[in-house]
Amino acid sequence: MNIQIHESVKDDKGFTLVELAIVMVIIGLLIGGILKGQEMIANAQVSATVAQAKGIDAATSTFRDMYDALPGDINNPTVRLPNCTDTCANNGDGNARLAGNPGTVATENLWFWAHLNAADLLSGVDNSGNTVWGQGLPSAKAGGGFTVGYTNDGTLPNGSGTGRGGHWLTIQGITGTPGSAALTASEAARMDRKMDDGASDTGSVIASDTGSCESSAGVYNEAADVQDCGLNIRIQG
């Protein structure tokens, strides 16, 4: 008797070129979607920071209309503002100018935030007086946070140009370092175009340049993906 043994030969095939191409397309779509999502998040953060700056400007004007005084500089805040204790209780000198240069955190330009908060005109800060983003000072959606100050000659921290005298918001990275970087040049440029003339050294929005923020005078170095920019924004204080 002959017994025949049949061996089963497995057909071990790899991916075909078509299958590999489909996989590569899917991976490409996923990567593209992730990058597009990151871009959309970055754009949203820039737009949100612009809205914050405009909101602070509007809140300052509203406060002056309500109390005939500048937040931070108001006299007798405890009897004029609701729930005004701790940092809010500090009296300004009433000269319509905040003590403290742009980018610094001193007396009146720190109380400014507590007074706006007590008047229910600004959220995102508390009454602690802590010079920390999200506590005594508001954080910026795009990075870093806001300080406020007065300059009589338009001198700004690390300013790439000189602005007009008056009150300025400063977006910076470190609370104790005026003009420190918080934004990339691309982020700063987009904010400047939304609020002003798009030039880094003129108008009511002027960059703080800590490195490669500008490619040349007045021109943001938008190709550099480095946080080398702060931003100074003039408000109607």
Protein backbone atom coordinates (compact mmCIF):
# COMPACT_ATOMS: atom_id res chain seq x y z
CA MET A 1 0.00 0.00 0.00
CA ASN A 2 1.35 3.37 -0.98
CA ILE A 3 0.56 6.14 1.42
CA GLN A 4 0.90 9.62 -0.03
CA ILE A 5 1.53 12.48 2.30
CA HIS A 6 0.49 15.88 1.03
CA GLU A 7 2.29 18.83 2.61
CA SER A 8 0.35 22.02 2.95
CA VAL A 9 2.34 24.86 1.56
CA LYS A 10 1.38 28.21 3.03
CA ASP A 11 1.19 31.11 0.71
CA ASP A 12 3.14 33.75 2.63
CA LYS A 13 2.55 36.94 0.72
CA GLY A 14 3.59 40.47 1.74
CA PHE A 15 1.77 43.69 1.03
CA THR A 16 1.22 44.53 -2.59
CA LEU A 17 2.29 47.91 -3.96
CA VAL A 18 -1.34 48.96 -4.11
CA GLU A 19 -1.88 48.09 -0.45
CA LEU A 20 1.28 49.94 0.56
CA ALA A 21 0.18 52.96 -1.44
CA ILE A 22 -3.20 52.97 0.32
CA VAL A 23 -1.50 52.77 3.73
CA MET A 24 0.83 55.66 2.85
CA VAL A 25 -2.11 57.76 1.69
CA ILE A 26 -3.96 57.10 4.95
CA ILE A 27 -0.86 58.00 7.00
CA GLY A 28 -0.43 61.17 4.95
CA LEU A 29 -4.04 62.15 5.55
CA LEU A 30 -3.67 61.57 9.28
CA ILE A 31 -0.48 63.65 9.48
CA GLY A 32 -2.07 66.39 7.37
CA GLY A 33 -5.11 66.41 9.63
CA ILE A 34 -2.97 66.69 12.74
CA LEU A 35 -0.92 69.56 11.28
CA LYS A 36 -4.06 71.34 10.09
CA GLY A 37 -5.58 70.90 13.53
CA GLN A 38 -2.49 72.39 15.18
CA GLU A 39 -2.65 75.34 12.78
CA MET A 40 -6.31 75.91 13.58
CA ILE A 41 -5.57 75.81 17.33
CA ALA A 42 -2.72 78.33 16.89
CA ASN A 43 -4.96 80.67 14.85
CA ALA A 44 -7.68 80.39 17.47
CA GLN A 45 -5.22 81.28 20.23
CA VAL A 46 -4.05 84.36 18.30
CA SER A 47 -7.64 85.50 17.70
CA ALA A 48 -8.50 84.88 21.36
CA THR A 49 -5.52 86.96 22.52
CA VAL A 50 -6.55 89.82 20.23
CA ALA A 51 -10.04 89.61 21.75
CA GLN A 52 -8.51 89.69 25.25
CA ALA A 53 -6.53 92.85 24.47
CA LYS A 54 -9.57 94.57 22.99
CA GLY A 55 -11.63 93.45 25.97
CA ILE A 56 -9.15 94.96 28.45
CA ASP A 57 -9.16 98.23 26.49
CA ALA A 58 -12.97 98.30 26.50
CA ALA A 59 -13.12 97.41 30.20
CA THR A 60 -10.75 100.27 31.02
CA SER A 61 -12.92 102.77 29.12
CA THR A 62 -16.08 101.42 30.78
CA PHE A 63 -14.50 101.71 34.23
CA ARG A 64 -13.62 105.35 33.57
CA ASP A 65 -17.17 106.05 32.43
CA MET A 66 -18.60 104.38 35.54
CA TYR A 67 -16.26 105.79 38.20
CA ASP A 68 -14.62 108.82 36.54
CA ALA A 69 -11.27 107.28 37.44
CA LEU A 70 -8.68 104.92 36.05
CA PRO A 71 -8.53 101.39 37.52
CA GLY A 72 -5.43 101.13 39.69
CA ASP A 73 -5.39 104.91 40.11
CA ILE A 74 -8.83 105.31 41.75
CA ASN A 75 -9.13 106.88 45.22
CA ASN A 76 -11.11 105.16 48.00
CA PRO A 77 -11.81 101.94 46.05
CA THR A 78 -13.21 100.17 49.12
CA VAL A 79 -16.22 102.49 49.25
CA ARG A 80 -16.66 102.76 45.50
CA LEU A 81 -16.16 99.19 44.28
CA PRO A 82 -18.12 96.12 45.43
CA ASN A 83 -16.29 93.44 47.42
CA CYS A 84 -13.07 95.44 47.29
CA THR A 85 -10.63 93.95 49.80
CA ASP A 86 -6.99 92.90 49.92
CA THR A 87 -5.16 94.05 46.78
CA CYS A 88 -8.23 95.88 45.53
CA ALA A 89 -8.25 98.05 48.67
CA ASN A 90 -5.10 99.93 47.65
CA ASN A 91 -5.61 103.63 46.91
CA GLY A 92 -4.27 105.21 43.76
CA ASP A 93 -3.17 108.85 43.69
CA GLY A 94 -5.88 109.94 41.26
CA ASN A 95 -3.57 111.60 38.71
CA ALA A 96 -5.05 109.60 35.77
CA ARG A 97 -1.72 107.86 35.13
CA LEU A 98 -0.74 104.42 36.29
CA ALA A 99 2.45 104.28 38.32
CA GLY A 100 4.79 101.77 36.69
CA ASN A 101 6.33 101.58 33.23
CA PRO A 102 5.00 99.22 30.54
CA GLY A 103 6.15 95.68 31.23
CA THR A 104 6.73 96.24 34.94
CA VAL A 105 4.62 95.14 37.89
CA ALA A 106 4.65 97.77 40.62
CA THR A 107 1.83 99.38 42.56
CA GLU A 108 -0.98 101.01 40.57
CA ASN A 109 -0.32 98.91 37.47
CA LEU A 110 -0.84 95.77 39.59
CA TRP A 111 -3.92 97.12 41.40
CA PHE A 112 -5.35 97.95 37.94
CA TRP A 113 -6.33 94.29 37.44
CA ALA A 114 -7.90 93.86 40.89
CA HIS A 115 -9.99 97.01 40.43
CA LEU A 116 -11.29 95.83 37.04
CA ASN A 117 -12.10 92.45 38.55
CA ALA A 118 -13.96 94.01 41.51
CA ALA A 119 -16.02 96.11 39.10
CA ASP A 120 -16.97 92.85 37.33
CA LEU A 121 -15.38 94.09 34.11
CA LEU A 122 -12.59 91.52 33.82
CA SER A 123 -12.26 87.81 34.58
CA GLY A 124 -9.18 85.61 34.64
CA VAL A 125 -7.57 87.38 37.61
CA ASP A 126 -8.05 87.23 41.37
CA ASN A 127 -7.55 89.60 44.27
CA SER A 128 -4.36 87.98 45.55
CA GLY A 129 -1.88 90.49 44.15
CA ASN A 130 0.37 87.56 43.19
CA THR A 131 2.44 88.48 40.16
CA VAL A 132 1.64 85.17 38.48
CA TRP A 133 -0.22 84.67 35.20
CA GLY A 134 -3.77 83.59 35.94
CA GLN A 135 -3.67 84.95 39.50
CA GLY A 136 -2.92 88.64 40.05
CA LEU A 137 -2.16 89.08 36.34
CA PRO A 138 -4.16 87.77 33.37
CA SER A 139 -2.63 85.09 31.17
CA ALA A 140 -2.69 85.49 27.38
CA LYS A 141 -4.25 82.72 25.31
CA ALA A 142 -1.32 82.63 22.88
CA GLY A 143 1.29 82.47 25.66
CA GLY A 144 2.67 84.50 28.54
CA GLY A 145 0.42 87.16 30.00
CA PHE A 146 -0.55 90.83 30.18
CA THR A 147 0.94 93.70 32.15
CA VAL A 148 0.02 97.37 31.86
CA GLY A 149 1.93 100.59 32.38
CA TYR A 150 2.39 104.24 31.46
CA THR A 151 5.11 105.92 29.39
CA ASN A 152 5.26 109.66 28.85
CA ASP A 153 7.67 109.48 25.90
CA GLY A 154 6.62 106.25 24.19
CA THR A 155 9.58 104.18 25.38
CA LEU A 156 8.63 100.50 25.41
CA PRO A 157 10.38 97.41 26.83
CA ASN A 158 12.67 95.95 24.14
CA GLY A 159 10.60 97.98 21.70
CA SER A 160 11.65 97.71 18.06
CA GLY A 161 10.21 101.21 17.69
CA THR A 162 8.96 104.09 19.83
CA GLY A 163 5.26 104.58 20.33
CA ARG A 164 3.22 107.49 21.57
CA GLY A 165 3.04 108.42 25.21
CA GLY A 166 0.21 106.86 27.15
CA HIS A 167 -0.91 103.55 28.62
CA TRP A 168 0.25 100.32 27.00
CA LEU A 169 -0.53 96.65 27.51
CA THR A 170 2.49 94.37 27.20
CA ILE A 171 2.30 90.69 26.35
CA GLN A 172 5.44 89.10 27.79
CA GLY A 173 6.67 85.71 28.89
CA ILE A 174 8.09 86.37 32.37
CA THR A 175 6.40 88.71 34.85
CA GLY A 176 9.65 90.14 36.23
CA THR A 177 11.28 90.64 32.84
CA PRO A 178 9.72 93.52 30.85
CA GLY A 179 9.43 92.76 27.15
CA SER A 180 10.39 89.10 27.53
CA ALA A 181 9.34 86.85 24.65
CA ALA A 182 5.98 85.07 24.70
CA LEU A 183 5.11 84.81 20.99
CA THR A 184 6.61 83.69 17.71
CA ALA A 185 7.09 86.34 15.04
CA SER A 186 4.24 84.81 13.04
CA GLU A 187 1.86 85.06 16.00
CA ALA A 188 2.92 88.64 16.75
CA ALA A 189 2.59 89.62 13.08
CA ARG A 190 -0.92 88.19 12.82
CA MET A 191 -1.97 90.05 15.96
CA ASP A 192 -0.43 93.27 14.65
CA ARG A 193 -2.30 92.95 11.34
CA LYS A 194 -5.58 92.30 13.15
CA MET A 195 -5.23 95.35 15.40
CA ASP A 196 -2.91 97.79 13.60
CA ASP A 197 -0.68 98.32 10.57
CA GLY A 198 1.26 95.04 10.55
CA ALA A 199 4.60 96.82 10.97
CA SER A 200 6.61 95.75 14.01
CA ASP A 201 7.96 99.21 14.86
CA THR A 202 5.13 101.69 14.21
CA GLY A 203 1.55 102.41 15.20
CA SER A 204 -0.42 101.30 18.23
CA VAL A 205 1.02 97.75 18.24
CA ILE A 206 4.81 97.54 18.53
CA ALA A 207 6.93 94.43 18.98
CA SER A 208 9.39 93.70 21.74
CA ASP A 209 12.32 92.05 19.97
CA THR A 210 14.41 89.67 22.06
CA GLY A 211 16.20 87.87 19.22
CA SER A 212 14.99 87.12 15.71
CA CYS A 213 11.54 88.71 15.97
CA GLU A 214 12.34 91.03 13.05
CA SER A 215 14.00 90.14 9.74
CA SER A 216 14.60 93.85 9.09
CA ALA A 217 13.36 97.13 10.52
CA GLY A 218 9.60 97.01 10.79
CA VAL A 219 9.29 93.51 9.28
CA TYR A 220 8.38 90.47 11.36
CA ASN A 221 10.56 87.42 10.73
CA GLU A 222 7.57 85.13 10.20
CA ALA A 223 9.70 82.26 8.88
CA ALA A 224 11.38 81.84 12.29
CA ASP A 225 9.44 79.42 14.48
CA VAL A 226 10.99 80.73 17.70
CA GLN A 227 9.44 82.60 20.62
CA ASP A 228 11.42 85.82 20.24
CA CYS A 229 8.60 88.38 20.38
CA GLY A 230 6.67 90.28 22.98
CA LEU A 231 3.99 92.77 21.99
CA ASN A 232 3.05 96.26 23.19
CA ILE A 233 -0.52 97.44 22.58
CA ARG A 234 -1.68 101.00 23.23
CA ILE A 235 -4.98 101.36 25.10
CA GLN A 236 -7.27 104.30 25.77
CA GLY A 237 -6.27 104.75 29.40
